[in-house]
Protein backbone atom coordinates (compact mmCIF):
# COMPACT_ATOMS: atom_id res chain seq x y z
CA MET A 1 16.04 96.12 -6.96
CA ARG A 2 18.51 98.37 -8.68
CA GLY A 3 17.03 101.39 -6.78
CA VAL A 4 17.47 99.70 -3.32
CA ARG A 5 21.23 98.89 -4.25
CA LEU A 6 21.56 102.51 -5.13
CA ILE A 7 20.12 103.72 -1.93
CA ARG A 8 22.38 101.45 0.12
CA LEU A 9 25.44 102.61 -1.99
CA LEU A 10 24.58 106.29 -1.19
CA ARG A 11 24.11 105.37 2.51
CA PHE A 12 27.55 103.66 2.60
CA LEU A 13 29.31 106.68 1.03
CA LYS A 14 27.59 109.14 3.30
CA SER A 15 28.47 106.98 6.28
CA GLY A 16 31.97 107.00 5.14
CA MET A 17 32.15 110.96 4.99
CA SER A 18 30.51 111.53 8.36
CA GLU A 19 29.42 109.44 11.56
CA ARG A 20 26.03 108.09 12.28
CA VAL A 21 24.67 109.42 15.83
CA VAL A 22 21.55 108.22 17.36
CA LEU A 23 20.03 109.87 20.24
CA SER A 24 16.95 108.16 21.83
CA VAL A 25 14.07 110.44 23.22
CA ARG A 26 11.35 109.29 25.62
CA PHE A 27 7.75 110.22 25.18
CA ALA A 28 4.51 109.51 27.19
CA TYR A 29 1.43 108.72 25.29
CA GLU A 30 -2.40 107.99 25.92
CA PRO A 31 -3.09 104.28 25.93
CA SER A 32 -5.94 102.62 23.92
CA PRO A 33 -7.31 99.12 23.52
CA GLU A 34 -5.70 98.83 20.13
CA ILE A 35 -2.25 99.78 21.31
CA THR A 36 -2.50 97.26 24.02
CA GLU A 37 -3.53 94.44 21.87
CA LEU A 38 -0.77 95.16 19.40
CA LEU A 39 1.75 95.07 22.19
CA ARG A 40 0.56 91.69 23.44
CA THR A 41 0.38 90.43 19.82
CA PHE A 42 4.05 91.39 19.17
CA ARG A 43 5.02 89.65 22.54
CA ASP A 44 3.44 86.49 21.35
CA MET A 45 5.20 86.88 17.80
CA VAL A 46 8.76 87.21 19.55
CA ASN A 47 7.83 84.12 21.87
CA TYR A 48 6.84 82.15 18.94
CA CYS A 49 10.22 82.96 17.08
CA ILE A 50 12.18 82.03 20.08
CA GLU A 51 10.53 78.56 20.21
CA ARG A 52 11.07 77.79 16.58
CA ALA A 53 14.79 78.84 16.67
CA LEU A 54 15.17 76.55 19.61
CA GLU A 55 13.27 73.64 18.09
CA HIS A 56 15.45 73.68 15.03
CA GLY A 57 18.72 74.88 16.58
CA ILE A 58 19.13 78.13 14.57
CA THR A 59 21.07 81.09 15.48
CA SER A 60 21.07 82.97 12.21
CA PHE A 61 18.60 85.83 11.75
CA MET A 62 18.16 85.04 7.99
CA ARG A 63 17.61 81.36 8.43
CA LEU A 64 15.04 81.77 11.15
CA ARG A 65 13.30 84.56 9.10
CA LYS A 66 13.16 82.01 6.11
CA LEU A 67 11.97 79.28 8.31
CA ILE A 68 9.10 80.94 9.76
CA TYR A 69 7.97 83.43 7.22
CA GLU A 70 4.99 81.44 5.64
CA ASP A 71 3.88 80.07 8.97
CA PHE A 72 4.10 83.72 10.44
CA LYS A 73 1.74 85.08 7.73
CA ALA A 74 -0.63 82.20 8.27
CA LYS A 75 -0.64 82.80 12.09
CA TRP A 76 -1.02 86.41 12.00
CA PRO A 77 -2.83 87.15 8.69
CA GLY A 78 -2.74 90.55 7.21
CA TYR A 79 -0.21 92.08 9.55
CA ASN A 80 2.61 94.12 7.81
CA THR A 81 5.58 91.64 6.99
CA GLN A 82 7.90 94.20 8.78
CA TYR A 83 6.57 92.83 12.01
CA CYS A 84 8.08 89.38 11.05
CA TYR A 85 11.26 91.04 10.42
CA SER A 86 11.28 92.90 13.83
CA ALA A 87 10.04 89.87 15.82
CA VAL A 88 12.82 87.70 14.45
CA ARG A 89 15.40 90.37 15.25
CA VAL A 90 14.17 90.72 18.79
CA ALA A 91 14.06 86.95 19.18
CA CYS A 92 17.75 86.47 17.91
CA SER A 93 18.93 89.23 20.10
CA MET A 94 17.43 87.63 23.27
CA LEU A 95 18.64 84.25 22.28
CA LYS A 96 22.29 85.46 21.65
CA SER A 97 22.24 87.25 25.05
CA TRP A 98 21.12 84.14 26.77
CA ARG A 99 23.55 82.03 25.24
CA LYS A 100 26.38 84.28 26.36
CA ARG A 101 25.26 84.16 29.90
CA VAL A 102 24.91 80.56 29.83
CA LYS A 103 28.55 80.28 28.72
CA ARG A 104 29.52 82.58 31.68
CA GLY A 105 27.46 80.60 33.99
CA GLN A 106 25.05 83.32 34.70
CA ALA A 107 21.92 81.70 33.14
CA ASP A 108 20.36 78.31 33.33
CA PRO A 109 20.73 76.35 30.08
CA ASN A 110 17.35 74.50 30.64
CA ARG A 111 15.39 77.92 31.02
CA PRO A 112 15.58 79.65 27.74
CA PRO A 113 14.21 83.29 27.55
CA ARG A 114 11.01 84.45 27.30
CA ALA A 115 9.24 87.93 26.62
CA ARG A 116 7.00 88.54 29.39
CA LYS A 117 5.93 92.17 29.35
CA PRO A 118 4.00 93.65 26.49
CA PHE A 119 6.26 95.57 24.18
CA ILE A 120 7.00 96.20 20.43
CA ARG A 121 9.93 97.33 18.39
CA PHE A 122 8.90 98.85 15.10
CA SER A 123 10.61 98.81 11.85
CA PRO A 124 11.43 102.46 10.64
CA LEU A 125 9.12 101.72 7.67
CA LEU A 126 6.02 101.56 9.89
CA THR A 127 6.21 104.88 11.78
CA LYS A 128 6.15 108.42 11.15
CA PHE A 129 4.81 111.67 12.71
CA VAL A 130 1.42 113.15 11.27
CA ASP A 131 0.12 116.33 13.03
CA GLY A 132 2.11 115.84 16.10
CA LYS A 133 1.00 112.10 16.62
CA LEU A 134 2.89 108.88 15.88
CA ARG A 135 1.20 106.94 12.95
CA ILE A 136 1.67 103.25 13.09
CA SER A 137 1.04 101.04 10.12
CA ILE A 138 -0.65 97.65 11.05
CA ARG A 139 -2.05 96.41 7.76
CA PRO A 140 -2.03 97.74 4.21
CA ARG A 141 -4.02 101.26 4.56
CA GLN A 142 -4.75 100.34 8.11
CA PHE A 143 -3.03 102.64 10.67
CA ILE A 144 -3.06 103.46 14.50
CA TYR A 145 -2.41 107.08 15.70
CA VAL A 146 -0.75 107.40 19.06
CA LYS A 147 -1.24 110.81 20.88
CA LEU A 148 2.20 111.53 22.35
CA ILE A 149 2.61 113.74 25.44
CA TYR A 150 5.65 115.85 25.37
CA GLY A 151 7.28 119.17 26.23
CA PRO A 152 9.53 121.51 24.53
CA TYR A 153 12.57 119.31 24.57
CA GLN A 154 10.91 116.45 22.76
CA ALA A 155 9.11 118.99 20.41
CA LYS A 156 12.41 120.38 18.88
CA PHE A 157 13.15 116.57 17.70
CA ILE A 158 9.84 116.41 15.97
CA GLU A 159 10.53 119.68 14.46
CA ALA A 160 13.87 118.73 13.27
CA TRP A 161 12.33 115.38 11.80
CA HIS A 162 9.75 117.46 9.77
CA ARG A 163 12.54 119.65 8.41
CA GLY A 164 14.37 116.61 7.31
CA GLU A 165 17.41 117.26 9.67
CA VAL A 166 17.04 113.94 11.56
CA LYS A 167 15.47 110.44 10.77
CA MET A 168 13.64 107.94 12.91
CA GLY A 169 15.22 104.63 13.88
CA GLU A 170 13.45 101.73 15.35
CA VAL A 171 10.64 102.98 17.83
CA VAL A 172 10.22 100.99 20.89
CA MET A 173 6.92 101.11 22.95
CA ASN A 174 5.72 99.55 26.03
CA GLU A 175 2.78 100.11 28.23
CA ARG A 176 4.11 103.47 29.49
CA TRP A 177 6.49 104.92 27.04
CA VAL A 178 7.43 105.39 23.45
CA ILE A 179 11.14 105.48 22.92
CA ILE A 180 12.09 107.07 19.41
CA PRO A 181 15.75 107.06 18.47
CA PHE A 182 16.47 110.04 16.13
CA ILE A 183 19.34 109.57 13.72
CA LYS A 184 21.44 112.33 12.12
CA TYR A 185 24.96 112.33 10.36
CA VAL A 186 27.52 114.57 11.67
CA ASP A 187 31.05 115.50 10.41
CA LEU A 188 33.40 114.81 13.40
CA GLU A 189 36.54 116.46 12.16
CA GLU A 190 39.25 116.45 14.77
CA PRO A 191 39.91 120.02 16.08
CA SER A 192 43.34 121.51 17.00
CA GLU A 193 42.15 121.95 20.63
CA ALA A 194 41.63 119.07 22.99
CA ILE A 195 40.36 118.63 26.53
CA ALA A 196 41.05 115.71 28.89
CA ILE A 197 38.31 114.53 31.38
CA ASP A 198 39.07 112.49 34.41
CA ILE A 199 36.02 111.17 36.11
CA ASN A 200 36.55 110.27 39.69
CA GLU A 201 34.02 108.93 42.63
CA SER A 202 33.59 112.62 44.00
CA ASN A 203 34.57 115.04 41.22
CA ILE A 204 35.34 115.34 37.58
CA THR A 205 38.42 117.28 36.55
CA ALA A 206 39.09 118.38 33.18
CA VAL A 207 42.16 120.09 31.68
CA ASP A 208 42.61 121.41 27.97
CA ASN A 209 45.72 122.11 25.94
CA GLN A 210 45.33 125.78 26.41
CA GLY A 211 46.02 125.58 30.11
CA ASN A 212 42.41 125.99 31.44
CA CYS A 213 41.23 123.56 34.14
CA TYR A 214 37.80 122.70 35.49
CA ARG A 215 36.43 120.83 38.02
CA TRP A 216 32.70 119.58 38.87
CA ASP A 217 31.69 118.22 42.21
CA ILE A 218 29.63 114.99 42.06
CA SER A 219 30.02 114.09 45.64
CA GLU A 220 26.21 114.28 45.87
CA VAL A 221 25.87 111.01 43.75
CA LYS A 222 28.02 109.12 46.34
CA ARG A 223 25.81 110.54 49.29
CA ILE A 224 22.56 109.46 47.38
CA ARG A 225 23.86 106.02 46.74
CA HIS A 226 24.67 105.67 50.38
CA ALA A 227 21.45 106.96 51.55
CA TYR A 228 19.45 104.51 49.41
CA PHE A 229 21.60 101.53 50.53
CA GLU A 230 20.58 102.28 54.12
CA LEU A 231 16.90 102.69 53.16
CA ARG A 232 16.99 99.37 51.25
CA ARG A 233 18.68 97.64 54.24
CA GLU A 234 15.82 99.11 56.67
CA ALA A 235 13.23 97.79 54.16
CA GLN A 236 14.65 94.48 54.05
CA GLU A 237 14.54 94.32 57.87
CA LYS A 238 11.09 95.59 57.93
CA TRP A 239 9.29 93.63 55.29
CA HIS A 240 11.37 90.33 55.19
CA ASP A 241 8.31 88.30 55.88
CA LYS A 242 6.25 89.98 53.24
CA PRO A 243 8.19 89.31 49.97
CA ARG A 244 5.50 90.98 47.71
CA VAL A 245 5.35 94.09 49.61
CA LEU A 246 9.43 94.15 49.74
CA ARG A 247 9.51 93.72 46.06
CA ARG A 248 7.37 96.75 45.46
CA VAL A 249 9.13 98.89 48.03
CA MET A 250 12.45 98.00 46.56
CA ALA A 251 11.43 98.53 43.14
CA LYS A 252 10.15 102.24 44.18
CA LEU A 253 13.38 103.13 45.82
CA GLY A 254 15.32 101.77 43.01
CA ARG A 255 13.19 104.20 40.54
CA ARG A 256 13.94 107.10 42.94
CA GLU A 257 17.55 106.66 43.25
CA ARG A 258 18.00 106.32 39.50
CA ALA A 259 16.07 109.41 38.70
CA ARG A 260 17.88 111.54 41.50
CA ILE A 261 21.38 110.33 40.08
CA GLU A 262 20.46 110.72 36.41
CA ALA A 263 19.29 114.14 36.88
CA ILE A 264 22.66 114.96 38.36
CA LEU A 265 24.51 113.21 35.64
CA HIS A 266 22.52 114.82 32.81
CA LYS A 267 23.20 118.30 34.25
CA VAL A 268 26.98 117.89 34.66
CA SER A 269 27.38 116.20 31.35
CA LYS A 270 25.47 119.07 29.62
CA GLU A 271 27.90 121.44 31.33
CA ILE A 272 30.88 119.39 30.28
CA VAL A 273 30.01 119.17 26.81
CA GLU A 274 29.32 122.84 26.47
CA VAL A 275 32.73 123.56 27.99
CA ALA A 276 34.40 121.15 25.53
CA ARG A 277 32.47 122.32 22.53
CA GLY A 278 34.80 122.45 19.38
CA LYS A 279 37.59 120.49 21.14
CA LEU A 280 38.66 116.97 20.97
CA ILE A 281 37.19 115.28 24.21
CA ILE A 282 39.47 112.78 25.68
CA LEU A 283 38.29 109.93 28.16
CA GLU A 284 39.86 107.04 29.85
CA ASP A 285 38.70 103.74 28.51
CA LEU A 286 37.41 102.09 31.77
CA LYS A 287 35.62 99.05 30.27
CA GLY A 288 36.30 95.85 32.43
CA LEU A 289 37.13 97.94 35.54
CA ARG A 290 34.26 96.39 37.66
CA GLU A 291 35.61 92.84 36.89
CA ARG A 292 38.90 94.03 38.34
CA ILE A 293 37.57 95.36 41.62
CA ARG A 294 38.88 93.24 44.57
CA TYR A 295 38.78 95.06 47.76
CA GLY A 296 36.93 94.86 50.98
CA ARG A 297 33.14 94.41 51.10
CA LYS A 298 32.50 98.07 51.77
CA MET A 299 34.89 99.45 49.05
CA ASN A 300 33.53 96.87 46.47
CA ARG A 301 29.99 98.09 47.06
CA ARG A 302 31.08 101.74 46.61
CA LEU A 303 33.06 101.09 43.45
CA HIS A 304 30.26 99.06 41.84
CA SER A 305 27.82 101.86 42.45
CA TRP A 306 30.02 104.51 40.97
CA PRO A 307 28.25 105.26 37.58
CA PHE A 308 31.33 106.18 35.61
CA ARG A 309 30.12 104.35 32.52
CA LYS A 310 26.87 105.82 32.47
CA LEU A 311 28.27 109.43 32.75
CA GLN A 312 30.85 108.84 29.82
CA LEU A 313 28.02 107.56 27.68
CA MET A 314 26.08 110.74 28.27
CA ILE A 315 29.06 112.95 27.61
CA GLU A 316 29.80 110.81 24.46
CA TYR A 317 26.48 111.01 22.86
CA LYS A 318 25.71 114.66 23.71
CA ALA A 319 29.12 115.64 22.26
CA LYS A 320 28.76 113.69 19.06
CA TRP A 321 25.26 114.99 18.47
CA LEU A 322 26.88 118.47 18.54
CA GLY A 323 29.74 117.41 16.32
CA THR A 324 32.22 117.18 19.10
CA PRO A 325 34.48 114.03 18.53
CA VAL A 326 35.26 111.72 21.63
CA ARG A 327 38.36 109.59 21.92
CA TYR A 328 39.10 106.88 24.71
CA VAL A 329 42.64 106.17 25.86
CA ASN A 330 44.31 103.41 27.94
CA PRO A 331 44.05 104.63 31.87
CA LYS A 332 47.19 102.77 32.94
CA GLY A 333 49.65 105.01 34.45
CA THR A 334 47.78 108.35 34.01
CA SER A 335 47.77 109.14 37.56
CA SER A 336 50.98 107.69 38.53
CA ARG A 337 53.41 109.05 35.74
CA CYS A 338 55.07 112.44 35.58
CA PRO A 339 53.67 114.45 32.61
CA ILE A 340 56.93 116.39 32.53
CA CYS A 341 59.71 113.65 32.68
CA GLY A 342 57.89 110.52 32.69
CA GLY A 343 59.12 109.45 36.07
CA LYS A 344 57.19 107.46 38.82
CA LEU A 345 55.28 109.78 40.96
CA ARG A 346 54.84 109.32 44.79
CA ASN A 347 52.11 110.71 47.28
CA PRO A 348 53.49 113.14 49.83
CA GLU A 349 50.09 114.23 50.77
CA TRP A 350 46.32 113.12 50.13
CA HIS A 351 45.23 113.52 46.53
CA ARG A 352 48.62 115.35 45.54
CA VAL A 353 51.58 113.67 43.71
CA ARG A 354 55.22 114.68 43.41
CA CYS A 355 57.88 113.42 41.09
CA PRO A 356 61.20 112.67 42.75
CA ARG A 357 63.15 113.20 39.70
CA CYS A 358 62.04 116.69 38.35
CA GLY A 359 60.34 117.95 41.51
CA TYR A 360 56.98 118.49 39.72
CA GLU A 361 54.14 118.50 42.13
CA ALA A 362 50.40 118.64 41.21
CA ASP A 363 46.94 117.52 41.92
CA ARG A 364 46.54 113.77 40.95
CA ASP A 365 43.46 114.30 38.88
CA VAL A 366 45.26 117.12 36.78
CA VAL A 367 48.13 114.84 36.28
CA ALA A 368 45.89 112.25 34.96
CA CYS A 369 44.38 114.90 32.60
CA LEU A 370 47.75 116.08 31.46
CA ASN A 371 48.99 112.51 30.60
CA MET A 372 45.73 111.78 28.66
CA LEU A 373 46.43 114.91 26.52
CA LYS A 374 49.93 113.70 25.84
CA MET A 375 48.76 110.27 24.87
CA CYS A 376 46.52 111.71 22.20
CA GLY A 377 49.18 113.84 20.97
CA ALA A 378 47.41 116.91 21.87
CA GLY A 379 50.44 118.09 23.77
CA GLY A 380 50.38 119.64 27.27
CA PRO A 381 49.28 123.26 27.90
CA ALA A 382 51.96 125.90 27.60
CA ILE A 383 50.99 127.03 31.01
CA ARG A 384 50.75 124.84 34.14
CA PRO A 385 47.18 124.90 35.60
CA LEU A 386 46.90 126.22 39.11
CA MET A 387 43.42 125.37 40.59
CA MET A 388 42.04 127.84 43.19
CA LEU A 389 38.46 127.17 44.16
CA PRO A 390 36.43 130.56 44.27
CA ASN A 391 35.16 131.26 47.77
CA GLY A 392 36.94 128.24 49.14
CA GLY A 393 34.40 125.74 47.65
CA SER A 394 31.87 124.86 45.07
CA GLU A 395 28.11 124.03 45.03
CA ARG A 396 26.85 120.71 43.38
CA GLY A 397 26.25 121.02 39.70
CA LYS A 398 27.93 124.40 39.28
CA LEU A 399 30.94 124.74 37.12
CA ASN A 400 34.08 126.19 38.49
CA PHE A 401 36.80 127.86 36.37
CA PHE A 402 40.31 128.02 37.71
CA ASN A 403 43.15 130.37 37.24
CA THR A 404 46.48 129.44 35.62
CA LEU A 405 50.14 130.28 36.22
CA ALA A 406 53.01 130.11 33.79
CA LEU A 407 55.17 127.04 33.82
CA ASN A 408 58.51 127.67 35.50
CA GLU A 409 60.50 124.48 35.78
CA GLY A 410 61.83 123.87 39.30
CA GLN A 411 59.89 126.90 40.94
CA GLU A 412 57.26 126.60 43.59
CA LYS A 413 54.84 128.99 42.07
CA GLY A 414 54.00 126.13 39.42
CA VAL A 415 52.71 123.86 42.13
CA VAL A 416 48.97 122.90 41.65
CA VAL A 417 47.03 123.78 44.84
CA GLY A 418 43.45 123.38 45.94
CA GLY A 419 41.19 120.48 44.57
CA GLY A 420 38.27 118.61 45.99
């Protein structure tokens, strides 16, 4: 008992000096009858926990675990007690989510949640790597060895685990994949340099406090969204009288759309993090944006399909994994306030803004980045960014660097040009 308390104290002290970063990696694996049986058994365990929690009106993890512990051991004799711990955690999580949705009117209070697909979430005490395989403890001195199928990207995480650089979290397995969260502690010391990143529907603009300006074109994401919207509409017209066929077609289109978009977002976020390495990354806090969208039907669909939050999360976890800190700021007024004098900006041309008080004129996205830098106390660049696209344009996924001009108050050569 004293040893457990010491371990917890050491973890607390370690977490106080650094930040815990988790990166989940997906592996394919070779299925077997033993794995299939284990997945189905765990699903039954979760449903049993849900039923007992509803029967006794329990919402607490500890109370539910204490209630079912003896019955659980009798119902599934010989299983490691960590399975009870994991099943109760999953059941409490599902019930908590369901109760929230009931309060919002998004779920039927008479239809409680139920685990339907075979899956399992392992306690970290039950899994480890042995000779490139995932060893799973079932009962005392009884193990299942899962042969993982992976490439060089996944292999480097396994090697880091063997070297003791990362730890494994709660492994999740379903009938197709094994998702392994790797955990490490990094020191996120705030650097002297900073870079602000403004995410838009068609592009991503970034400006650092050294005067460098960058832009990535992500209009392909918008094009893919619209193309698959049209494909789904055609499928609904063609298969409206065959619901089972329609469900399969829609699911297939959804998987293809997600795969294409995520490939673009992963590539762009990787490039952004490489550019921002060693700098404080500043992003806009866009939580709740979707709830505030109140436009026409077509515009609502476009904005709701804009994957800004997914891209932000990709940038954040990749940056933190490399030890680069990330900070969020309030987006209010970032594109409408002058970064020089704080006056209200006007739009003389599309995507360009001008301050009637001091005459500052710039690209709207660059203005947003400059204001974000000021909000974090990073200060604006000593030079004003001048964006000039090489060869008059850019290719999707390729990073474009832009020239800069010295800031001369009131002179036309300080105007930002280009963009898009």
